[in-house]
Protein backbone atom coordinates (compact mmCIF):
# COMPACT_ATOMS: atom_id res chain seq x y z
CA MET A 1 57.03 -2.53 93.87
CA ALA A 2 53.99 -2.15 94.81
CA THR A 3 51.63 -4.85 94.19
CA THR A 4 48.37 -3.45 92.70
CA THR A 5 45.33 -4.88 92.67
CA HIS A 6 43.77 -6.65 89.35
CA CYS A 7 40.50 -6.78 88.53
CA PRO A 8 39.01 -9.00 85.62
CA ASP A 9 36.54 -5.96 84.57
CA ARG A 10 39.28 -3.53 84.70
CA PRO A 11 39.84 -3.77 80.90
CA LEU A 12 36.37 -2.86 80.14
CA MET A 13 35.88 -0.38 82.82
CA LYS A 14 39.15 1.47 81.14
CA LEU A 15 37.10 1.08 78.04
CA LEU A 16 33.48 2.33 79.13
CA MET A 17 35.83 5.46 80.98
CA LEU A 18 37.67 6.12 77.14
CA LEU A 19 34.89 6.04 75.52
CA CYS A 20 33.00 8.91 77.72
CA LEU A 21 36.04 10.88 77.24
CA CYS A 22 35.74 10.72 74.10
CA PHE A 23 31.79 11.12 73.31
CA ALA A 24 31.03 13.75 76.05
CA PRO A 25 31.98 16.52 74.18
CA ALA A 26 30.08 15.39 70.89
CA MET A 27 27.21 15.15 73.65
CA ALA A 28 28.12 18.43 75.03
CA SER A 29 28.23 20.50 71.70
CA ALA A 30 25.18 18.95 70.08
CA ALA A 31 23.26 19.43 73.83
CA THR A 32 20.25 22.58 74.26
CA PRO A 33 19.68 24.56 76.80
CA GLN A 34 16.93 22.86 77.78
CA PHE A 35 18.85 19.58 77.12
CA ASN A 36 21.27 20.94 80.05
CA TYR A 37 18.49 22.08 82.56
CA LEU A 38 17.12 18.59 82.27
CA LEU A 39 20.28 17.36 82.84
CA HIS A 40 21.98 19.02 85.30
CA CYS A 41 19.14 21.17 87.32
CA GLY A 42 16.51 18.70 87.05
CA GLY A 43 16.87 16.72 89.97
CA CYS A 44 15.62 19.55 91.88
CA HIS A 45 13.78 21.87 89.19
CA ILE A 46 11.90 19.19 86.92
CA GLU A 47 10.52 19.86 83.70
CA ASP A 48 7.90 22.40 84.41
CA GLY A 49 9.86 24.10 86.80
CA SER A 50 8.68 22.68 90.24
CA GLY A 51 10.66 22.44 93.20
CA MET A 52 10.79 20.57 96.07
CA GLY A 53 8.79 22.08 98.89
CA ASP A 54 10.30 24.17 101.16
CA ILE A 55 13.73 23.17 100.18
CA VAL A 56 13.72 23.65 96.97
CA PRO A 57 11.65 26.77 95.28
CA ASP A 58 9.05 26.69 92.27
CA LEU A 59 11.34 28.44 89.65
CA ASN A 60 7.73 29.51 88.31
CA GLU A 61 7.18 31.90 91.47
CA ASP A 62 10.23 34.21 91.87
CA LEU A 63 12.60 33.52 89.43
CA GLY A 64 11.42 36.78 87.49
CA TYR A 65 11.56 38.83 90.85
CA PHE A 66 14.91 37.41 91.18
CA ALA A 67 15.88 38.58 87.88
CA SER A 68 15.21 42.08 87.91
CA PHE A 69 17.74 43.60 90.39
CA THR A 70 21.29 42.60 90.52
CA GLU A 71 21.60 41.13 93.88
CA GLY A 72 19.02 38.45 92.56
CA ARG A 73 20.56 37.72 89.63
CA SER A 74 23.60 37.12 90.97
CA TYR A 75 21.86 34.79 93.52
CA LEU A 76 20.30 32.93 90.86
CA VAL A 77 23.86 32.12 89.79
CA ARG A 78 25.70 31.88 92.53
CA VAL A 79 23.34 28.85 93.73
CA PRO A 80 24.72 25.31 93.76
CA GLY A 81 22.83 23.70 90.97
CA ALA A 82 24.27 26.60 89.05
CA SER A 83 27.48 27.87 89.74
CA HIS A 84 28.83 24.00 90.93
CA SER A 85 27.47 22.92 87.66
CA PRO A 86 29.93 21.19 84.66
CA LEU A 87 28.48 23.90 82.22
CA SER A 88 31.12 26.04 80.92
CA ASP A 89 30.23 29.93 81.23
CA GLY A 90 28.55 29.79 77.67
CA ASP A 91 26.34 26.66 78.13
CA LEU A 92 25.19 28.14 81.91
CA THR A 93 24.35 31.58 80.12
CA GLU A 94 22.39 29.83 78.17
CA VAL A 95 20.66 27.46 80.20
CA MET A 96 19.97 30.86 82.47
CA ASN A 97 18.46 32.32 79.98
CA TRP A 98 16.11 29.31 78.15
CA MET A 99 15.19 29.15 82.36
CA LEU A 100 14.07 33.52 81.99
CA ARG A 101 12.27 33.15 79.10
CA THR A 102 10.74 29.62 79.92
CA PHE A 103 9.65 30.38 83.09
CA ALA A 104 9.75 34.12 83.46
CA ALA A 105 8.00 35.52 80.23
CA ALA A 106 5.52 37.67 81.59
CA ASP A 107 7.69 39.44 83.69
CA GLU A 108 10.30 40.25 80.62
CA PRO A 109 13.77 39.97 82.51
CA GLU A 110 16.52 41.26 81.00
CA LEU A 111 18.62 38.55 79.71
CA TYR A 112 22.05 37.07 81.23
CA SER A 113 25.19 37.90 79.37
CA GLU A 114 28.13 35.18 79.60
CA ALA A 115 30.61 38.02 81.18
CA GLU A 116 27.61 38.75 84.22
CA VAL A 117 27.50 34.40 84.80
CA THR A 118 31.46 34.36 84.71
CA ALA A 119 31.69 37.01 87.21
CA ASN A 120 29.38 35.59 89.62
CA ARG A 121 29.54 31.97 89.61
CA ARG A 122 33.13 32.50 90.76
CA ILE A 123 31.81 33.91 94.39
CA ARG A 124 30.74 30.73 96.73
CA MET A 125 27.69 31.06 99.17
CA ASN A 126 27.88 29.50 102.04
CA ASP A 127 23.87 29.83 103.08
CA VAL A 128 22.21 29.75 100.20
CA HIS A 129 18.58 29.49 102.70
CA ALA A 130 19.77 32.53 104.35
CA VAL A 131 20.33 34.90 101.16
CA ARG A 132 17.31 34.10 99.41
CA LYS A 133 15.14 34.75 102.80
CA GLN A 134 17.34 38.07 102.69
CA LEU A 135 16.60 38.99 99.18
CA LEU A 136 12.69 38.07 99.51
CA GLU A 137 12.31 40.58 102.30
CA LEU A 138 13.48 43.18 100.00
CA LYS A 139 10.37 42.65 97.55
CA ASP A 140 8.43 43.74 100.85
CA ASN A 141 10.02 46.79 101.18
CA PRO A 142 10.44 49.29 98.68
CA ASP A 143 12.57 51.48 100.21
CA ALA A 144 15.66 48.82 100.12
CA GLY A 145 17.43 50.22 97.58
CA MET A 146 17.70 47.45 95.18
CA SER A 147 19.99 47.71 92.81
CA PRO A 148 18.37 48.08 88.97
CA ALA A 149 18.70 44.70 86.58
CA PRO A 150 22.08 45.50 84.60
CA GLN A 151 21.14 47.04 80.64
CA THR A 152 24.29 46.12 79.66
CA THR A 153 26.83 43.24 79.46
CA ALA A 154 28.90 44.90 81.89
CA ALA A 155 29.40 42.46 84.91
CA PRO A 156 27.57 43.70 88.30
CA GLN A 157 29.39 43.62 91.60
CA ALA A 158 27.82 40.16 93.16
CA PHE A 159 25.75 40.28 96.15
CA VAL A 160 27.28 38.01 98.63
CA GLY A 161 24.92 37.48 101.84
CA PRO A 162 26.04 36.59 105.50
CA GLN A 163 29.60 35.85 105.83
CA GLN A 164 32.63 36.15 108.17
CA PRO A 165 34.10 39.45 108.01
CA ALA A 166 37.60 38.70 105.39
CA ASP A 167 39.99 40.85 107.89
CA GLN A 168 38.63 40.63 111.50
CA GLU A 169 39.82 42.54 114.82
CA ALA A 170 42.20 41.60 117.15
CA PRO A 171 40.88 38.54 119.33
CA GLU A 172 37.95 39.06 121.60
CA GLN A 173 39.89 37.05 124.39
CA LEU A 174 42.36 39.93 124.03
CA ALA A 175 39.99 42.16 125.87
CA SER A 176 40.05 40.40 129.46
CA LEU A 177 43.79 41.78 129.90
CA SER A 178 43.95 43.89 132.52
CA VAL A 179 43.95 47.68 130.20
CA ALA A 180 43.90 50.56 132.16
CA THR A 181 40.95 53.31 131.20
CA SER A 182 43.41 56.15 130.47
CA ALA A 183 46.11 54.46 128.85
CA THR A 184 47.09 55.57 125.62
CA PRO A 185 46.56 53.11 122.38
CA PRO A 186 49.40 52.73 120.30
CA PRO A 187 50.02 54.86 116.68
CA THR A 188 47.98 54.53 113.69
CA LEU A 189 50.12 52.73 111.17
CA THR A 190 49.94 53.05 107.36
CA PRO A 191 49.49 49.73 105.27
CA GLU A 192 52.83 49.87 104.51
CA GLN A 193 54.59 50.42 108.06
CA GLN A 194 52.07 47.74 109.56
CA LEU A 195 53.74 45.29 106.73
CA ALA A 196 57.35 46.62 107.73
CA PHE A 197 56.43 46.09 112.18
CA GLY A 198 55.21 42.99 111.04
CA GLU A 199 57.79 42.05 108.80
CA ALA A 200 60.10 42.79 111.95
CA LEU A 201 58.39 40.43 114.73
CA PHE A 202 57.74 38.04 112.59
CA PHE A 203 62.01 37.79 112.80
CA ASP A 204 62.71 38.70 116.49
CA THR A 205 64.48 36.62 118.52
CA SER A 206 63.67 38.33 121.94
CA LEU A 207 60.12 37.93 121.73
CA SER A 208 61.18 34.34 123.25
CA ARG A 209 61.63 33.29 126.88
CA PHE A 210 65.07 32.80 126.62
CA GLY A 211 65.75 35.00 123.62
CA ASN A 212 66.94 32.70 120.81
CA GLN A 213 63.73 31.84 119.12
CA ALA A 214 61.76 33.80 116.29
CA CYS A 215 58.31 32.81 114.41
CA ALA A 216 61.04 32.21 111.68
CA SER A 217 62.36 29.27 113.99
CA CYS A 218 59.87 26.89 113.04
CA HIS A 219 59.11 28.82 110.26
CA ASP A 220 61.97 29.19 108.09
CA PRO A 221 61.63 31.22 105.21
CA GLY A 222 64.07 29.07 102.98
CA ARG A 223 62.29 26.22 103.64
CA ALA A 224 58.70 27.61 102.55
CA PHE A 225 58.21 28.97 105.91
CA ALA A 226 58.09 25.09 107.38
CA ASP A 227 60.70 23.47 109.90
CA GLN A 228 62.95 20.31 108.29
CA ARG A 229 65.28 20.58 111.80
CA SER A 230 62.27 18.55 113.50
CA MET A 231 62.89 15.83 111.03
CA THR A 232 66.68 15.30 113.00
CA VAL A 233 65.71 17.30 115.87
CA GLY A 234 62.23 17.03 116.80
CA SER A 235 61.24 13.59 115.74
CA GLY A 236 58.50 15.78 113.62
CA ALA A 237 57.97 18.36 115.95
CA SER A 238 59.96 21.66 116.82
CA ILE A 239 62.26 22.71 119.53
CA GLY A 240 60.71 25.52 121.73
CA SER A 241 62.73 28.05 123.36
CA ASP A 242 63.91 26.87 126.32
CA GLY A 243 65.96 24.12 124.11
CA SER A 244 64.13 21.32 125.20
CA SER A 245 60.23 21.36 125.10
CA THR A 246 58.94 19.42 121.80
CA GLY A 247 55.18 19.39 120.92
CA HIS A 248 53.40 16.30 119.40
CA ARG A 249 52.37 18.07 116.17
CA ASN A 250 53.74 18.98 113.12
CA ALA A 251 54.87 23.12 112.43
CA PRO A 252 52.96 23.46 108.81
CA SER A 253 54.20 25.41 106.09
CA LEU A 254 53.19 29.05 106.36
CA THR A 255 52.70 29.70 102.86
CA TYR A 256 48.82 30.63 101.53
CA VAL A 257 48.00 29.83 105.27
CA ALA A 258 46.39 33.41 105.52
CA ALA A 259 43.79 32.43 102.81
CA THR A 260 42.17 29.78 105.65
CA PRO A 261 38.08 30.88 106.20
CA ALA A 262 37.38 31.59 109.71
CA PHE A 263 36.38 28.79 111.81
CA THR A 264 32.82 28.19 111.45
CA LEU A 265 30.94 24.90 112.92
CA ASN A 266 27.98 24.92 109.56
CA ASP A 267 29.95 26.05 106.54
CA THR A 268 27.71 24.22 103.53
CA THR A 269 29.83 25.27 100.92
CA GLN A 270 30.82 23.20 98.61
CA THR A 271 33.73 22.50 96.30
CA SER A 272 32.28 20.18 93.75
CA PRO A 273 33.64 16.81 94.87
CA PRO A 274 33.61 14.52 91.71
CA ALA A 275 31.04 13.31 89.92
CA GLN A 276 31.38 9.76 90.34
CA ASN A 277 32.07 9.87 94.30
CA ARG A 278 28.96 12.97 95.03
CA SER A 279 26.33 10.46 95.88
CA ARG A 280 28.81 7.97 98.34
CA VAL A 281 30.30 10.75 100.23
CA ALA A 282 26.80 12.17 100.41
CA ALA A 283 25.19 9.37 101.54
CA THR A 284 28.17 8.95 104.76
CA ALA A 285 27.96 12.78 105.52
CA LYS A 286 28.32 13.47 109.41
CA ALA A 287 27.78 16.68 111.38
CA ALA A 288 31.45 17.41 111.69
CA ASP A 289 31.82 17.77 107.57
CA THR A 290 30.57 21.17 107.61
CA ILE A 291 33.27 22.34 110.58
CA ARG A 292 35.13 24.08 108.14
CA GLY A 293 38.21 26.89 108.31
CA GLY A 294 40.50 28.00 111.15
CA PHE A 295 44.09 27.50 112.55
CA PHE A 296 46.37 25.05 114.01
CA TRP A 297 45.65 21.60 113.32
CA ASP A 298 42.31 21.60 115.58
CA GLY A 299 41.05 24.93 114.59
CA ARG A 300 41.24 25.99 118.18
CA GLU A 301 42.05 29.79 116.93
CA PRO A 302 38.84 30.84 114.74
CA THR A 303 41.16 33.92 112.68
CA LEU A 304 44.78 34.34 111.62
CA GLU A 305 44.82 37.25 114.12
CA ASN A 306 44.20 34.65 116.84
CA GLN A 307 46.78 32.22 115.29
CA VAL A 308 50.26 34.36 115.11
CA LEU A 309 50.04 35.62 118.88
CA THR A 310 49.20 31.98 120.65
CA PRO A 311 53.02 30.71 119.74
CA PHE A 312 54.46 33.64 121.94
CA VAL A 313 52.36 32.21 124.98
CA ASN A 314 52.60 28.43 124.27
CA ALA A 315 55.13 27.24 127.16
CA ARG A 316 57.03 24.61 124.01
CA GLU A 317 57.03 27.51 121.70
CA MET A 318 58.06 30.52 122.35
CA GLY A 319 57.21 30.69 126.46
CA LEU A 320 56.10 33.97 127.51
CA GLN A 321 53.92 34.02 130.42
CA ASP A 322 51.00 36.20 129.10
CA LEU A 323 50.35 38.36 126.61
CA SER A 324 51.37 41.46 128.66
CA GLU A 325 54.95 40.40 128.85
CA LEU A 326 54.71 40.50 124.79
CA VAL A 327 53.76 43.94 124.82
CA GLU A 328 56.45 44.91 127.45
CA ARG A 329 58.53 43.50 125.36
CA VAL A 330 57.58 44.88 121.94
CA ALA A 331 57.10 48.37 123.43
CA GLY A 332 60.49 48.59 125.49
CA SER A 333 62.16 47.93 122.13
CA GLU A 334 64.65 50.44 120.33
CA ARG A 335 63.44 48.24 117.24
CA TYR A 336 60.15 49.64 116.70
CA GLN A 337 60.43 53.09 117.72
CA PRO A 338 59.97 53.81 113.96
CA TYR A 339 56.56 52.37 114.37
CA LEU A 340 55.77 52.96 117.62
CA GLY A 341 57.24 56.18 118.50
CA ASP A 342 57.91 56.55 122.37
CA VAL A 343 54.85 54.28 123.71
CA THR A 344 56.14 52.28 126.61
CA GLY A 345 54.48 49.55 127.85
CA ASP A 346 53.29 51.02 131.64
CA ALA A 347 51.42 54.15 129.26
CA VAL A 348 49.95 51.69 126.28
CA SER A 349 46.45 49.64 126.22
CA PRO A 350 48.13 46.12 126.33
CA ALA A 351 44.64 44.95 124.29
CA HIS A 352 45.14 47.74 121.85
CA MET A 353 49.24 46.69 121.12
CA SER A 354 48.17 43.12 121.57
CA GLY A 355 45.54 44.18 118.67
CA LEU A 356 48.37 45.84 116.49
CA ILE A 357 50.92 43.27 116.99
CA ALA A 358 48.54 40.43 115.63
CA LYS A 359 46.83 42.66 112.86
CA SER A 360 50.42 43.55 111.33
CA LEU A 361 51.86 40.01 111.50
CA ALA A 362 48.40 38.82 110.16
CA THR A 363 49.29 40.89 107.51
CA TYR A 364 53.13 40.29 106.85
CA LEU A 365 51.03 36.50 106.51
CA ARG A 366 48.57 38.12 103.97
CA SER A 367 51.22 39.46 102.01
CA ASP A 368 52.76 38.67 98.59
CA THR A 369 56.09 36.93 100.84
CA PHE A 370 53.89 34.01 101.96
CA ASN A 371 51.39 33.90 98.68
CA SER A 372 52.80 33.91 95.27
CA TYR A 373 51.23 31.92 93.25
CA ASP A 374 54.11 31.09 90.89
CA SER A 375 54.66 27.94 90.72
CA ARG A 376 54.84 25.61 87.59
CA TYR A 377 51.36 24.78 88.35
CA ASP A 378 50.24 28.70 88.40
CA ARG A 379 52.27 28.92 85.38
CA PHE A 380 50.69 26.44 83.23
CA VAL A 381 47.31 26.81 84.25
CA ARG A 382 48.09 30.94 82.83
CA GLY A 383 49.04 29.55 79.94
CA GLU A 384 53.09 30.88 80.51
CA ILE A 385 54.63 27.31 80.43
CA THR A 386 54.38 23.58 79.04
CA ALA A 387 54.05 20.99 81.71
CA THR A 388 55.62 17.84 80.73
CA ALA A 389 53.62 14.54 80.05
CA GLN A 390 54.79 12.73 83.53
CA GLU A 391 53.26 16.83 85.07
CA MET A 392 50.02 16.36 82.88
CA ALA A 393 49.77 12.47 84.17
CA GLY A 394 50.04 13.23 86.88
CA MET A 395 47.28 16.39 86.91
CA GLY A 396 44.99 14.20 85.58
CA LEU A 397 45.11 11.19 88.09
CA PHE A 398 44.93 14.17 91.08
CA PHE A 399 41.40 15.49 89.26
CA SER A 400 40.27 12.31 88.26
CA PRO A 401 37.47 11.04 90.07
CA GLY A 402 37.70 7.53 87.79
CA PHE A 403 41.29 7.35 89.08
CA THR A 404 41.93 9.08 92.73
CA ASN A 405 39.89 11.03 95.77
CA CYS A 406 42.42 13.24 96.03
CA ALA A 407 40.30 16.76 94.88
CA THR A 408 37.43 15.54 97.25
CA CYS A 409 39.80 17.01 100.29
CA HIS A 410 42.63 19.00 98.78
CA GLN A 411 40.56 21.45 96.16
CA SER A 412 39.43 24.79 97.33
CA SER A 413 37.91 26.29 93.83
CA THR A 414 34.49 24.70 92.35
CA ALA A 415 36.49 23.16 89.29
CA ALA A 416 39.45 21.65 88.36
CA TYR A 417 42.61 23.55 86.83
CA ALA A 418 41.49 26.52 88.84
CA THR A 419 43.43 29.99 89.06
CA ASN A 420 45.11 30.64 92.85
CA GLU A 421 43.84 27.16 94.01
CA LEU A 422 44.46 26.36 97.25
CA PHE A 423 44.56 22.29 97.52
CA SER A 424 42.68 22.32 100.51
CA ASN A 425 38.72 22.01 101.28
CA HIS A 426 39.64 23.79 104.43
CA ARG A 427 37.98 20.58 106.35
CA TYR A 428 38.97 17.78 108.74
CA GLU A 429 39.45 14.33 108.10
CA ASN A 430 40.64 11.68 110.18
CA ILE A 431 42.75 9.57 107.54
CA GLY A 432 44.16 7.48 110.06
CA THR A 433 47.71 9.03 110.32
CA PRO A 434 49.94 6.39 112.08
CA ILE A 435 51.36 7.36 115.52
CA ASN A 436 54.82 8.85 115.63
CA GLN A 437 55.63 6.71 118.56
CA ASP A 438 58.99 8.11 118.35
CA LEU A 439 57.74 11.92 119.00
CA LEU A 440 55.99 10.57 122.02
CA THR A 441 58.94 9.22 123.23
CA LEU A 442 60.98 12.21 123.11
CA ASN A 443 58.04 14.66 124.49
CA GLY A 444 57.22 12.78 127.31
CA MET A 445 53.98 12.16 126.51
CA GLY A 446 54.48 8.48 125.94
CA THR A 447 53.21 5.78 123.01
CA ASP A 448 49.77 5.60 124.55
CA PHE A 449 48.83 9.01 123.93
CA ARG A 450 45.77 10.17 121.55
CA ASP A 451 45.47 12.74 119.96
CA PRO A 452 42.08 13.79 119.83
CA GLY A 453 42.44 16.26 117.01
CA LEU A 454 39.69 18.66 116.37
CA ALA A 455 37.54 16.78 119.55
CA ALA A 456 40.32 19.38 121.75
CA ASN A 457 38.81 22.29 120.04
CA PRO A 458 37.15 24.32 123.23
CA ALA A 459 34.17 25.32 120.38
CA LEU A 460 33.04 21.31 119.74
CA ALA A 461 32.31 20.98 123.23
CA ALA A 462 28.57 20.30 122.94
CA GLY A 463 26.53 19.11 119.85
CA PHE A 464 28.68 16.73 117.91
CA ASP A 465 28.90 13.04 118.56
CA PRO A 466 32.77 12.45 120.19
CA SER A 467 33.12 9.41 117.64
CA ASP A 468 32.92 11.69 114.85
CA ILE A 469 35.17 14.27 115.70
CA ASN A 470 38.32 12.22 117.54
CA ALA A 471 41.08 12.56 115.54
CA ARG A 472 40.35 14.48 112.66
CA PHE A 473 42.60 17.23 111.76
CA LYS A 474 42.73 20.00 109.38
CA VAL A 475 43.57 19.06 105.80
CA PRO A 476 46.21 21.17 104.82
CA SER A 477 47.59 23.14 101.54
CA LEU A 478 49.09 21.05 98.71
CA ARG A 479 51.53 23.86 97.85
CA ASN A 480 54.85 23.50 98.57
CA VAL A 481 54.63 20.25 99.89
CA ALA A 482 57.56 18.43 98.04
CA VAL A 483 59.84 20.82 100.13
CA THR A 484 58.32 21.35 103.68
CA ALA A 485 58.79 17.54 105.28
CA PRO A 486 58.71 16.58 107.30
CA TYR A 487 54.64 15.42 107.20
CA MET A 488 50.98 14.79 109.06
CA HIS A 489 50.23 16.71 112.02
CA ASN A 490 52.75 14.86 114.21
CA GLY A 491 55.78 14.96 111.20
CA VAL A 492 55.48 10.76 110.95
CA PHE A 493 56.71 10.95 106.82
CA SER A 494 59.96 11.95 106.17
CA GLU A 495 59.43 11.89 102.42
CA LEU A 496 56.50 13.13 100.36
CA ASP A 497 56.44 9.36 98.40
CA THR A 498 55.78 7.69 101.62
CA VAL A 499 52.97 9.87 102.11
CA LEU A 500 51.52 8.49 98.93
CA ARG A 501 52.13 5.24 99.13
CA PHE A 502 50.14 5.58 102.57
CA TYR A 503 46.71 6.57 100.55
CA ASN A 504 47.68 4.09 98.08
CA HIS A 505 47.41 0.93 100.68
CA TYR A 506 43.72 1.69 101.37
CA ASN A 507 43.03 0.41 97.51
CA GLU A 508 45.45 -1.87 97.53
CA THR A 509 45.69 -5.63 98.36
CA GLY A 510 49.18 -6.88 97.44
CA ALA A 511 51.40 -7.25 100.62
CA SER A 512 53.63 -4.84 100.12
CA GLY A 513 51.47 -1.89 100.02
CA GLN A 514 50.88 -2.59 103.82
CA ILE A 515 54.63 -1.93 104.14
CA ASN A 516 55.94 1.29 105.53
CA PRO A 517 58.54 2.19 103.07
CA GLU A 518 60.07 4.83 106.05
CA THR A 519 60.52 1.83 108.28
CA GLY A 520 60.27 -1.57 106.61
CA GLN A 521 57.18 -2.53 108.95
CA PRO A 522 53.11 -2.67 108.42
CA TRP A 523 51.56 1.26 109.06
CA THR A 524 50.86 1.24 112.59
CA GLU A 525 47.97 1.99 114.19
CA ALA A 526 46.14 5.29 114.00
CA ASN A 527 45.00 7.60 116.79
CA ASN A 528 41.10 6.55 116.17
CA PRO A 529 41.15 3.34 113.78
CA ASP A 530 37.07 3.17 114.00
CA GLY A 531 36.90 6.69 112.55
CA VAL A 532 39.02 6.72 109.70
CA ALA A 533 37.52 8.19 106.56
CA THR A 534 37.21 5.14 104.98
CA ASP A 535 34.74 5.85 102.25
CA LYS A 536 36.49 8.42 100.82
CA LEU A 537 39.90 6.83 101.23
CA ARG A 538 39.04 3.63 99.45
CA VAL A 539 37.64 5.36 96.21
CA GLY A 540 39.17 4.57 92.88
CA PHE A 541 42.14 2.48 92.05
CA PRO A 542 45.10 1.26 93.49
CA LEU A 543 47.98 3.64 91.49
CA SER A 544 51.26 1.43 89.74
CA GLU A 545 54.85 2.74 90.37
CA ARG A 546 54.54 4.51 86.85
CA GLN A 547 50.54 6.36 88.64
CA LEU A 548 52.68 7.50 91.95
CA ALA A 549 56.07 8.70 89.91
CA ALA A 550 53.36 10.96 87.64
CA LEU A 551 51.35 12.08 90.80
CA SER A 552 54.37 12.92 92.69
CA ALA A 553 55.46 14.94 89.57
CA PHE A 554 52.46 17.13 89.57
CA LEU A 555 52.58 17.85 93.63
CA ARG A 556 56.55 18.89 92.89
CA MET A 557 54.83 21.31 90.19
CA LEU A 558 52.84 23.11 93.44
CA THR A 559 56.33 24.62 94.57
CA ASP A 560 56.55 28.56 94.23
CA GLN A 561 59.37 29.45 92.11
CA ARG A 562 62.13 30.27 94.41
CA TYR A 563 62.28 27.06 96.03
CA GLU A 564 62.18 25.32 93.65
CA HIS A 565 66.37 25.00 93.77
CA LEU A 566 65.05 22.36 97.05
CA LEU A 567 63.72 19.84 94.78
CA PRO A 568 65.39 16.69 95.20
């Protein structure tokens, strides 16, 4: 049994929390739009609509202008203060219309419909100031072609503003391949052919150095595209094509990985950290907290198209010499003639062919095979099933800022219980994961090795404090977590229960809570003990055995339907 911390004030705190839960609905139902404006917007815009200099604009100045055309109306709903507020869509609609009547009455703006608010607040905006500047430039350009404000209740097409392309072309570094200008480009494939081509590539063992390893070898479709062999054979990491090489990181599940955004150093997207913790987290925010997206544990490949090619030429994985060899093997295989025709390695442009391979593999990873959204959680959110009492308790613990801080890092949506929730904010954290000494001994790197994590990403060579980025790793999705052991970036834990107790030990004071149940020894040293995000980890209460079991039950809910038979 884990020993929990007993606080003499806890009964009072629990009572206060229960009272808040009881009275909150009554307060909300009695609140007027003006009350909600002051409660949720008054921190930035005071009662008369005034802003904060250049940081927060004055509502009396341009509110009417923005409300006069579709893109501006979308912007007003999508700003963080509106879209991330805890107000329902209906209440937010009333607040928006109160603001229009109060601060822009002279412009006689069209009032918002609830459908319009609902459609727009779900679309994230990465750079509020850039979008506002872009829209204000339209004000001085009458020929810019602004969309008129909607005259019906139909939801408009939201103006997204500056964004990273969702489907980028093949990696830029492919241009460095030697390409004969007269080389023939590969044929253009239909979406169906591209998907089939990508699937065939994913399962092809001939594309490895010794013809014995495919993408599916380390990402088993029968195990939610993870590698459970690594627990017994590789001490937490996968074995390479040569049968002996082992890396120093765990091969993660590929389910839902395609939803990862492209790598960026300055992403200010907010995924609504719990209200009780927001001020504390903001007070300790660092430059590295804006880094988001990218692939691999350190984000070194910015897009999915980049990522899918890298394992082919990694000496500890599939072991090909370079991408030209990959092109030759693909172009020279009869297996791919239905997609490539009679193209040969000498005739085709290596860069073009590599691009087609990358795009086809990425298409496969974006398919329903990897992104089914049919777990018990998904079915519960859609109203198709009823959750058990234990699952409901675990769900409440997970999303509740009063007890845990799980959702601060493992939530991608702006609100709890969202459909198609990815359970990752796609950022990077140092949570103090213990060193996997068995793995470092096996792969020959030595137990003195310390994985730099994000600090090894070449995009961060300058401009960031090394002590801040050292040993940060990407926050993984929790989907299928119950069936994709081993855990953590280095595969150091074999059981999900161990992971929960590891997190729990940051809030426990009892001696038993400081013991790793898999080793019977105290939790071992982290890569960078001085950089551990204790401000996020030491939040909430130590969980009891019953609460840990409930949280585990919720995490099991995140298992795709076809993998539920793997649950213990």
